[in-house]
Amino acid sequence: MKTYIKIEKDNLSTLHEFQFTKDELEYKGKVSLLPNLLEEEKFTVEINKIFNKNWYTYIENDFDMEVFLYIPKSYHREEILSAYLAHISILLMIIESQDSLLAAEFFSRKASILCCFPKATAKVVEPISVEGLFAWLYGRFCDDTLFMNVFYNRTLTKHQEIAAATDTACFFYYAAKNRLGNLKANSPKEMFIRYFQNHKKTVFTIGVVGQRYENWTHSGLDYIDSLFKSQEPQNFIAHKSRIEKARKEFFAGTRAYIQAEPYNIHDENALGLYLNDIESYIADDEGMCLAGYLRKTGAEIIRSSKPKDFRLKAELVRIGNLQEGKTGLVIKVAV
């Protein structure tokens, strides 16, 4: 028995197939043709009820799409399946956008539903599993005790086994097994160093810490909004729409790069994030400012794996993340 997700945007559509094997659901990947299903089996997903764009000050991909589910009427757990497919469809869209940290964050928010069919979810997550795991562990502050127990094959208590099934780091590590292959490593840090060394380019999204200067803190973002709102509105709806459009264009045009600081007296592996200085940017100047740093261990992994790369390409993809709220900076980096 098969079921499908259809995602449509700008007159283009993508079709994903899932298949039941006994009571387990398998993700079979993208397919080109939809079988002749009855219209009664078609459901529309209300994306805004699952993925709230108000979690973010700015997000590069607005996920302005239509999603349809095709579920066999004979399936006896229709409510569970429809809820699962609705949520996994959002995860599929996130993965398509290559926002690996967002995939991990969304999984963390919705793990109880996404783990109804763990094998299917792991297969969906696999393409960004390594990148998502790295961003989750080293782009934020988190308790990695459970993950470390799993990584070192320590005996888990019954309670820990249950927790590990829906733990974000543990699940992404499980989903990444095939991609990590036979990397022999004595620690997660060593595992990632070897992975980055073995791949010419790895692209991932990651949060930064130590956000500094008024430019890229809450007051700086409020300053941007105040400029957009200062224009006399024709009416509330048009004004709101204009502000949203102007804000998105402003952030989308922001330049970014990661700069190594080998002479940093506090950390020779430091990697600083540089973004356009907001006031200079508004004045049509290309001035840049230090906006934050990659976390210490993540920076060490990147510098150890690519020691000759002193400047890395970066892109501001999101303002707002699960840990820092609506002001957390998220960048896309190519290592």
Protein backbone atom coordinates (compact mmCIF):
# COMPACT_ATOMS: atom_id res chain seq x y z
CA MET A 1 0.00 0.00 0.00
CA LYS A 2 1.40 3.38 -1.03
CA THR A 3 0.80 6.97 0.02
CA TYR A 4 2.06 10.24 -1.50
CA ILE A 5 2.98 13.83 -0.72
CA LYS A 6 2.72 16.43 -3.47
CA ILE A 7 4.45 19.80 -3.00
CA GLU A 8 3.61 22.61 -5.44
CA LYS A 9 5.26 26.00 -5.94
CA ASP A 10 5.32 28.34 -8.94
CA ASN A 11 3.58 25.79 -11.20
CA LEU A 12 6.24 23.19 -10.36
CA SER A 13 5.49 20.11 -8.32
CA THR A 14 7.47 17.45 -6.49
CA LEU A 15 6.01 14.07 -5.64
CA HIS A 16 7.25 11.90 -2.76
CA GLU A 17 6.26 8.26 -2.32
CA PHE A 18 5.92 6.32 0.92
CA GLN A 19 5.12 2.61 1.12
CA PHE A 20 3.83 0.37 3.89
CA THR A 21 5.67 -2.82 4.75
CA LYS A 22 3.60 -4.55 7.43
CA ASP A 23 3.11 -1.79 10.05
CA GLU A 24 6.22 0.16 9.07
CA LEU A 25 6.32 3.09 6.66
CA GLU A 26 9.22 3.43 4.22
CA TYR A 27 10.25 6.53 2.31
CA LYS A 28 10.84 5.54 -1.31
CA GLY A 29 11.96 8.95 -2.57
CA LYS A 30 10.80 11.20 -5.39
CA VAL A 31 8.65 9.80 -8.19
CA SER A 32 7.52 11.33 -11.45
CA LEU A 33 3.92 10.15 -11.78
CA LEU A 34 1.02 10.04 -9.37
CA PRO A 35 -1.16 6.91 -9.65
CA ASN A 36 -4.84 7.28 -10.41
CA LEU A 37 -6.11 7.92 -6.85
CA LEU A 38 -9.61 8.90 -5.85
CA GLU A 39 -10.17 12.57 -5.02
CA GLU A 40 -11.59 11.58 -1.62
CA GLU A 41 -8.10 10.45 -0.66
CA LYS A 42 -6.62 13.90 -1.19
CA PHE A 43 -5.96 16.21 1.78
CA THR A 44 -4.56 19.75 1.88
CA VAL A 45 -1.91 20.57 4.48
CA GLU A 46 -2.29 23.90 6.28
CA ILE A 47 1.41 24.74 6.54
CA ASN A 48 0.97 27.71 8.90
CA LYS A 49 -0.55 25.48 11.57
CA ILE A 50 2.63 23.36 11.66
CA PHE A 51 5.40 25.76 10.69
CA ASN A 52 5.04 29.24 12.19
CA LYS A 53 7.03 31.88 10.30
CA ASN A 54 6.55 34.20 13.27
CA TRP A 55 9.23 32.18 15.03
CA TYR A 56 11.69 34.20 12.92
CA THR A 57 12.56 37.83 12.27
CA TYR A 58 13.76 36.86 8.79
CA ILE A 59 13.86 33.57 6.94
CA GLU A 60 15.32 33.24 3.46
CA ASN A 61 12.85 30.60 2.27
CA ASP A 62 9.27 31.58 3.06
CA PHE A 63 7.92 28.08 2.22
CA ASP A 64 5.08 29.64 0.28
CA MET A 65 3.91 26.34 -1.18
CA GLU A 66 0.87 24.10 -1.42
CA VAL A 67 1.07 20.60 0.01
CA PHE A 68 -1.33 17.74 -0.70
CA LEU A 69 -1.50 14.29 0.87
CA TYR A 70 -2.87 11.19 -0.86
CA ILE A 71 -3.81 8.57 1.72
CA PRO A 72 -5.50 5.20 1.02
CA LYS A 73 -8.95 5.15 2.58
CA SER A 74 -8.41 1.59 3.73
CA TYR A 75 -5.55 2.56 6.06
CA HIS A 76 -6.71 1.91 9.63
CA ARG A 77 -4.56 4.57 11.33
CA GLU A 78 -5.53 7.44 9.06
CA GLU A 79 -5.36 10.19 11.70
CA ILE A 80 -1.83 9.23 12.77
CA LEU A 81 -0.68 8.87 9.18
CA SER A 82 -2.16 12.19 8.02
CA ALA A 83 -0.56 14.03 10.97
CA TYR A 84 2.77 12.36 10.26
CA LEU A 85 2.69 13.08 6.52
CA ALA A 86 1.71 16.70 7.14
CA HIS A 87 4.74 17.17 9.39
CA ILE A 88 7.18 15.18 7.27
CA SER A 89 6.13 17.27 4.25
CA ILE A 90 7.42 20.39 6.06
CA LEU A 91 10.65 18.58 6.84
CA LEU A 92 11.00 17.63 3.17
CA MET A 93 10.65 21.30 2.19
CA ILE A 94 13.24 22.35 4.78
CA ILE A 95 15.71 19.74 3.53
CA GLU A 96 15.14 20.90 -0.04
CA SER A 97 16.19 24.41 1.10
CA GLN A 98 19.43 22.95 2.59
CA ASP A 99 18.84 24.57 5.99
CA SER A 100 20.34 21.75 8.05
CA LEU A 101 19.99 23.53 11.40
CA LEU A 102 16.34 24.33 10.67
CA ALA A 103 15.75 20.64 9.92
CA ALA A 104 17.21 19.71 13.31
CA GLU A 105 15.22 22.44 15.06
CA PHE A 106 11.97 21.39 13.40
CA PHE A 107 12.63 17.77 14.32
CA SER A 108 13.22 18.85 17.91
CA ARG A 109 9.92 20.73 17.99
CA LYS A 110 7.92 17.89 16.39
CA ALA A 111 9.83 14.73 17.38
CA SER A 112 6.85 13.01 18.99
CA ILE A 113 4.98 13.02 15.67
CA LEU A 114 7.97 12.52 13.35
CA CYS A 115 9.05 9.46 15.35
CA CYS A 116 5.75 7.66 14.76
CA PHE A 117 7.55 6.21 11.73
CA PRO A 118 11.25 6.53 12.63
CA LYS A 119 12.68 4.58 9.67
CA ALA A 120 10.89 6.78 7.15
CA THR A 121 11.94 9.95 8.96
CA ALA A 122 15.56 8.79 9.15
CA LYS A 123 15.56 8.20 5.39
CA VAL A 124 14.10 11.66 4.77
CA VAL A 125 16.66 13.27 7.08
CA GLU A 126 19.66 11.35 5.72
CA PRO A 127 20.72 13.90 3.00
CA ILE A 128 21.38 16.59 5.64
CA SER A 129 21.93 14.35 8.66
CA VAL A 130 25.68 14.96 9.06
CA GLU A 131 25.29 18.71 8.54
CA GLY A 132 22.28 18.90 10.88
CA LEU A 133 24.10 16.94 13.58
CA PHE A 134 27.14 19.23 13.37
CA ALA A 135 25.00 22.37 13.57
CA TRP A 136 22.94 20.98 16.46
CA LEU A 137 25.98 19.98 18.51
CA TYR A 138 28.34 22.86 17.73
CA GLY A 139 26.18 25.81 16.67
CA ARG A 140 24.31 26.17 19.96
CA PHE A 141 24.59 25.38 23.66
CA CYS A 142 23.13 21.97 24.44
CA ASP A 143 23.39 19.01 26.80
CA ASP A 144 25.07 16.31 24.71
CA THR A 145 25.33 13.72 27.51
CA LEU A 146 22.82 11.33 25.95
CA PHE A 147 24.43 11.63 22.52
CA MET A 148 27.88 10.94 23.97
CA ASN A 149 26.55 7.79 25.66
CA VAL A 150 25.17 6.62 22.31
CA PHE A 151 28.34 7.55 20.41
CA TYR A 152 30.55 5.56 22.80
CA ASN A 153 28.11 2.62 22.90
CA ARG A 154 27.61 2.92 26.63
CA THR A 155 24.84 0.89 28.22
CA LEU A 156 21.66 2.97 28.46
CA THR A 157 19.00 2.73 31.12
CA LYS A 158 15.43 2.06 29.98
CA HIS A 159 14.63 5.73 30.50
CA GLN A 160 17.64 6.78 28.41
CA GLU A 161 16.67 4.39 25.58
CA ILE A 162 13.23 5.98 25.43
CA ALA A 163 14.72 9.49 25.48
CA ALA A 164 17.30 8.62 22.80
CA ALA A 165 14.56 7.58 20.37
CA THR A 166 13.38 11.19 20.05
CA ASP A 167 16.59 13.03 20.97
CA THR A 168 17.65 15.25 18.06
CA ALA A 169 21.39 14.53 18.18
CA CYS A 170 20.88 10.79 18.64
CA PHE A 171 18.34 10.60 15.83
CA PHE A 172 20.46 12.56 13.35
CA TYR A 173 23.48 10.42 14.24
CA TYR A 174 21.40 7.31 13.55
CA ALA A 175 20.23 8.80 10.22
CA ALA A 176 23.83 9.71 9.30
CA LYS A 177 25.30 6.21 9.73
CA ASN A 178 25.47 5.43 6.00
CA ARG A 179 26.98 8.80 5.12
CA LEU A 180 29.57 8.63 7.88
CA GLY A 181 30.56 5.17 6.62
CA ASN A 182 33.51 3.51 8.28
CA LEU A 183 35.08 6.64 9.75
CA LYS A 184 37.09 5.39 12.71
CA ALA A 185 37.13 8.13 15.29
CA ASN A 186 37.79 8.31 19.00
CA SER A 187 35.44 11.25 19.50
CA PRO A 188 32.67 13.16 17.67
CA LYS A 189 35.17 15.97 17.10
CA GLU A 190 37.58 13.63 15.34
CA MET A 191 34.69 12.12 13.35
CA PHE A 192 33.70 15.50 11.93
CA ILE A 193 37.29 16.52 11.21
CA ARG A 194 37.76 13.39 9.13
CA TYR A 195 34.41 13.83 7.40
CA PHE A 196 35.23 17.42 6.35
CA GLN A 197 38.70 16.38 5.24
CA ASN A 198 37.26 13.61 3.07
CA HIS A 199 34.81 15.95 1.31
CA LYS A 200 35.85 18.77 -0.96
CA LYS A 201 32.92 20.95 0.12
CA THR A 202 30.28 20.56 2.82
CA VAL A 203 27.47 23.12 3.03
CA PHE A 204 25.52 23.57 6.25
CA THR A 205 23.64 26.18 8.25
CA ILE A 206 24.73 27.00 11.78
CA GLY A 207 24.01 29.50 14.55
CA VAL A 208 26.55 31.87 16.05
CA VAL A 209 27.23 32.88 19.64
CA GLY A 210 28.47 36.03 21.30
CA GLN A 211 26.40 38.31 19.09
CA ARG A 212 27.88 41.73 19.57
CA TYR A 213 27.59 45.36 18.62
CA GLU A 214 24.23 47.08 18.54
CA ASN A 215 24.02 46.38 14.80
CA TRP A 216 23.06 42.74 15.07
CA THR A 217 21.35 42.59 18.44
CA HIS A 218 17.70 43.23 19.29
CA SER A 219 18.08 47.02 19.30
CA GLY A 220 19.71 46.97 15.87
CA LEU A 221 16.88 44.93 14.38
CA ASP A 222 14.32 47.25 15.98
CA TYR A 223 16.14 50.17 14.34
CA ILE A 224 15.63 48.58 10.90
CA ASP A 225 11.92 48.10 11.53
CA SER A 226 11.53 51.67 12.77
CA LEU A 227 12.95 52.96 9.48
CA PHE A 228 10.52 50.92 7.44
CA LYS A 229 7.57 51.92 9.63
CA SER A 230 8.42 55.62 9.51
CA GLN A 231 6.89 55.96 6.04
CA GLU A 232 3.30 57.17 6.09
CA PRO A 233 1.07 54.16 5.26
CA GLN A 234 -1.67 54.26 2.66
CA ASN A 235 -3.52 51.72 4.72
CA PHE A 236 -2.59 49.16 7.37
CA ILE A 237 -2.56 46.10 5.08
CA ALA A 238 -0.49 47.73 2.33
CA HIS A 239 1.87 49.19 4.93
CA LYS A 240 2.38 45.83 6.62
CA SER A 241 3.04 44.13 3.29
CA ARG A 242 5.52 46.83 2.26
CA ILE A 243 7.43 46.54 5.55
CA GLU A 244 7.70 42.78 5.21
CA LYS A 245 8.92 43.04 1.62
CA ALA A 246 11.45 45.79 2.43
CA ARG A 247 12.77 43.90 5.46
CA LYS A 248 13.22 40.70 3.44
CA GLU A 249 15.04 42.52 0.62
CA PHE A 250 17.27 44.23 3.16
CA PHE A 251 18.36 41.03 4.88
CA ALA A 252 18.60 39.06 1.62
CA GLY A 253 21.12 41.59 0.31
CA THR A 254 23.32 41.44 3.41
CA ARG A 255 26.91 40.37 2.72
CA ALA A 256 28.54 37.82 5.02
CA TYR A 257 31.76 35.91 5.44
CA ILE A 258 33.61 33.90 8.10
CA GLN A 259 37.12 35.06 9.00
CA ALA A 260 39.73 32.97 10.82
CA GLU A 261 41.59 34.72 13.64
CA PRO A 262 44.81 32.68 14.17
CA TYR A 263 46.28 35.50 16.27
CA ASN A 264 43.28 35.75 18.61
CA ILE A 265 44.81 35.69 22.11
CA HIS A 266 41.76 33.90 23.53
CA ASP A 267 41.38 31.19 20.87
CA GLU A 268 43.71 30.59 17.93
CA ASN A 269 40.94 28.65 16.16
CA ALA A 270 38.41 31.47 16.45
CA LEU A 271 36.11 32.02 13.47
CA GLY A 272 34.33 35.38 13.42
CA LEU A 273 31.18 36.18 11.45
CA TYR A 274 31.27 39.48 9.58
CA LEU A 275 28.09 41.12 8.26
CA ASN A 276 27.27 44.49 6.74
CA ASP A 277 27.29 47.25 9.33
CA ILE A 278 23.59 48.16 9.44
CA GLU A 279 23.93 51.95 9.49
CA SER A 280 26.61 51.86 6.78
CA TYR A 281 24.48 49.49 4.71
CA ILE A 282 21.50 51.87 4.91
CA ALA A 283 23.81 54.67 3.81
CA ASP A 284 24.78 52.55 0.77
CA ASP A 285 28.21 51.81 2.21
CA GLU A 286 29.81 48.36 2.09
CA GLY A 287 31.29 48.55 5.59
CA MET A 288 31.40 45.26 7.52
CA CYS A 289 31.33 44.57 11.23
CA LEU A 290 31.99 41.62 13.52
CA ALA A 291 28.59 40.18 14.45
CA GLY A 292 29.51 37.05 16.42
CA TYR A 293 31.54 33.86 16.48
CA LEU A 294 31.11 30.20 15.71
CA ARG A 295 31.19 28.16 18.89
CA LYS A 296 34.64 27.13 20.11
CA THR A 297 34.52 23.38 19.35
CA GLY A 298 32.82 23.84 15.99
CA ALA A 299 35.45 26.40 14.99
CA GLU A 300 38.22 24.05 16.09
CA ILE A 301 36.80 21.24 13.95
CA ILE A 302 36.60 23.47 10.87
CA ARG A 303 40.09 24.94 11.33
CA SER A 304 41.60 21.49 11.96
CA SER A 305 39.97 20.01 8.86
CA LYS A 306 40.63 22.96 6.53
CA PRO A 307 43.68 24.78 8.00
CA LYS A 308 44.47 26.63 4.76
CA ASP A 309 41.02 28.23 4.53
CA PHE A 310 41.25 31.54 6.37
CA ARG A 311 38.07 33.03 4.91
CA LEU A 312 34.92 31.02 4.28
CA LYS A 313 31.96 31.92 2.13
CA ALA A 314 28.85 32.57 4.18
CA GLU A 315 25.29 33.74 3.68
CA LEU A 316 22.74 35.11 6.15
CA VAL A 317 19.77 32.76 5.78
CA ARG A 318 17.81 33.34 8.95
CA ILE A 319 17.37 35.64 11.93
CA GLY A 320 15.72 33.60 14.64
CA ASN A 321 16.53 30.16 15.95
CA LEU A 322 15.30 27.72 18.57
CA GLN A 323 17.82 28.77 21.22
CA GLU A 324 18.25 32.52 20.80
CA GLY A 325 14.67 33.34 19.81
CA LYS A 326 13.89 35.93 17.14
CA THR A 327 17.34 37.56 17.19
CA GLY A 328 19.53 34.47 16.74
CA LEU A 329 21.67 34.69 13.61
CA VAL A 330 21.88 31.66 11.33
CA ILE A 331 24.30 31.49 8.42
CA LYS A 332 24.98 29.10 5.57
CA VAL A 333 28.65 28.11 5.35
CA ALA A 334 30.64 26.15 2.78
CA VAL A 335 33.57 24.25 4.31
